[in-house]
Amino acid sequence: ETPIRSAGFRRAIMQVYAYTCAVCELNIRALSGESVTDAAHIIPFSVSYNDDIRNGISLCKSHHWAFDTGLISVNEAYEVIVSPSMTEQGPTESMLIQLRNKRIWLPRGEEHHPAQAALTWHREKVMKQ
């Protein structure tokens, strides 16, 4: 039996992060309610079946992609880590590199902060060295 992802996960993440990307603090919403941010799982749902709010983080589309592909992660001090195994070119050069050591935007209340165990898993299993 395949676990089903909860629609409540996205609602909860969007609410505690106020529709704001934790990495770049981008917050754009359409009048229809759509947002530029996604509710990203730190440990993918397909691995963890975990829709707990502490296994989630709000990320804009670009940073969600970079997080899922291991180009960025978050350390134990909630600072952005940038993989040395990437290159940036063109008008957006240094879009990711400039984020190195930037503290992420966290929701109020530590009970909503990303779980350290989930972030450790992401650094060990997804982050490209």
Protein backbone atom coordinates (compact mmCIF):
# COMPACT_ATOMS: atom_id res chain seq x y z
CA GLU A 1 0.00 0.00 0.00
CA THR A 2 1.48 3.35 -1.08
CA PRO A 3 1.31 6.19 1.46
CA ILE A 4 -0.53 9.27 0.24
CA ARG A 5 0.97 12.72 0.59
CA SER A 6 -1.05 15.08 2.71
CA ALA A 7 -2.45 18.27 1.20
CA GLY A 8 -2.14 19.66 4.72
CA PHE A 9 1.66 19.55 4.44
CA ARG A 10 1.73 22.32 1.82
CA ARG A 11 -0.83 24.41 3.71
CA ALA A 12 1.12 24.09 6.97
CA ILE A 13 4.49 24.92 5.40
CA MET A 14 3.08 27.91 3.51
CA GLN A 15 1.41 29.18 6.67
CA VAL A 16 4.42 28.93 9.01
CA TYR A 17 6.80 30.35 6.39
CA ALA A 18 4.27 33.05 5.37
CA TYR A 19 4.66 32.04 1.68
CA THR A 20 8.32 33.13 1.87
CA CYS A 21 11.35 31.30 0.44
CA ALA A 22 13.58 30.37 3.37
CA VAL A 23 16.69 30.93 1.24
CA CYS A 24 16.11 34.19 -0.67
CA GLU A 25 13.02 35.51 1.17
CA LEU A 26 11.10 35.88 -2.10
CA ASN A 27 7.38 36.24 -1.46
CA ILE A 28 5.16 36.60 -4.52
CA ARG A 29 1.51 35.58 -4.54
CA ALA A 30 -1.12 35.79 -7.25
CA LEU A 31 -4.54 37.18 -6.37
CA SER A 32 -5.78 33.61 -6.90
CA GLY A 33 -3.62 32.52 -3.95
CA GLU A 34 -0.90 30.75 -5.95
CA SER A 35 2.62 31.30 -4.68
CA VAL A 36 6.11 31.29 -6.14
CA THR A 37 7.13 29.10 -3.20
CA ASP A 38 6.81 25.35 -2.80
CA ALA A 39 6.53 23.22 0.30
CA ALA A 40 9.69 21.15 -0.12
CA HIS A 41 10.37 17.95 1.76
CA ILE A 42 13.87 17.84 3.26
CA ILE A 43 13.92 14.05 3.22
CA PRO A 44 11.85 13.22 0.12
CA PHE A 45 8.39 11.85 0.82
CA SER A 46 9.21 8.84 -1.38
CA VAL A 47 11.96 7.93 1.11
CA SER A 48 10.51 9.01 4.45
CA TYR A 49 6.70 9.07 3.97
CA ASN A 50 7.03 11.96 6.42
CA ASP A 51 4.70 14.93 6.04
CA ASP A 52 5.71 16.38 9.41
CA ILE A 53 6.19 20.15 9.29
CA ARG A 54 9.79 19.72 10.55
CA ASN A 55 10.58 17.69 7.42
CA GLY A 56 9.57 20.66 5.31
CA ILE A 57 10.87 24.01 4.19
CA SER A 58 9.41 26.73 1.97
CA LEU A 59 11.52 27.31 -1.14
CA CYS A 60 11.02 29.29 -4.35
CA LYS A 61 11.09 27.24 -7.55
CA SER A 62 14.81 27.90 -8.21
CA HIS A 63 15.97 27.09 -4.71
CA HIS A 64 13.68 24.04 -4.52
CA TRP A 65 15.38 22.68 -7.65
CA ALA A 66 18.86 23.48 -6.28
CA PHE A 67 17.98 21.84 -2.94
CA ASP A 68 16.55 18.70 -4.55
CA THR A 69 19.56 18.32 -6.85
CA GLY A 70 22.06 18.80 -4.03
CA LEU A 71 23.51 22.12 -5.16
CA ILE A 72 22.51 23.72 -1.86
CA SER A 73 21.76 22.46 1.61
CA VAL A 74 21.45 23.86 5.13
CA ASN A 75 23.91 23.35 7.98
CA GLU A 76 23.25 22.90 11.71
CA ALA A 77 23.33 26.71 12.21
CA TYR A 78 20.59 27.09 9.56
CA GLU A 79 23.02 28.61 7.07
CA VAL A 80 23.08 27.85 3.34
CA ILE A 81 25.79 25.50 2.11
CA VAL A 82 26.63 25.72 -1.60
CA SER A 83 28.07 22.71 -3.40
CA PRO A 84 31.54 23.20 -4.87
CA SER A 85 30.52 20.90 -7.75
CA MET A 86 28.56 23.48 -9.72
CA THR A 87 29.16 26.39 -12.04
CA GLU A 88 27.15 29.53 -12.68
CA GLN A 89 27.38 31.61 -15.83
CA GLY A 90 25.52 34.43 -17.49
CA PRO A 91 23.44 37.23 -15.99
CA THR A 92 22.57 35.14 -12.94
CA GLU A 93 26.18 34.29 -12.17
CA SER A 94 26.68 33.94 -8.43
CA MET A 95 22.95 33.56 -7.82
CA LEU A 96 23.67 30.52 -5.64
CA ILE A 97 27.27 31.20 -4.67
CA GLN A 98 26.37 34.52 -3.04
CA LEU A 99 24.08 32.63 -0.65
CA ARG A 100 26.94 30.72 0.97
CA ASN A 101 26.72 31.06 4.79
CA LYS A 102 23.51 33.12 4.59
CA ARG A 103 21.19 32.26 7.46
CA ILE A 104 17.85 31.01 6.19
CA TRP A 105 14.58 32.70 7.08
CA LEU A 106 12.95 30.62 9.79
CA PRO A 107 9.36 30.55 10.99
CA ARG A 108 8.50 31.83 14.44
CA GLY A 109 8.70 29.13 17.06
CA GLU A 110 11.42 26.51 17.15
CA GLU A 111 8.77 23.78 16.93
CA HIS A 112 8.42 24.72 13.24
CA HIS A 113 12.13 24.90 12.40
CA PRO A 114 13.52 22.21 10.11
CA ALA A 115 14.57 19.13 12.07
CA GLN A 116 18.33 18.83 12.46
CA ALA A 117 18.14 15.08 11.73
CA ALA A 118 16.40 15.78 8.40
CA LEU A 119 18.98 18.44 7.46
CA THR A 120 21.82 16.05 8.35
CA TRP A 121 20.23 13.39 6.14
CA HIS A 122 19.98 15.90 3.28
CA ARG A 123 23.64 16.94 3.64
CA GLU A 124 24.81 13.31 3.74
CA LYS A 125 22.55 11.78 1.08
CA VAL A 126 21.74 14.59 -1.38
CA MET A 127 24.37 17.35 -1.15
CA LYS A 128 26.99 17.10 -3.89
CA GLN A 129 30.55 17.43 -2.64
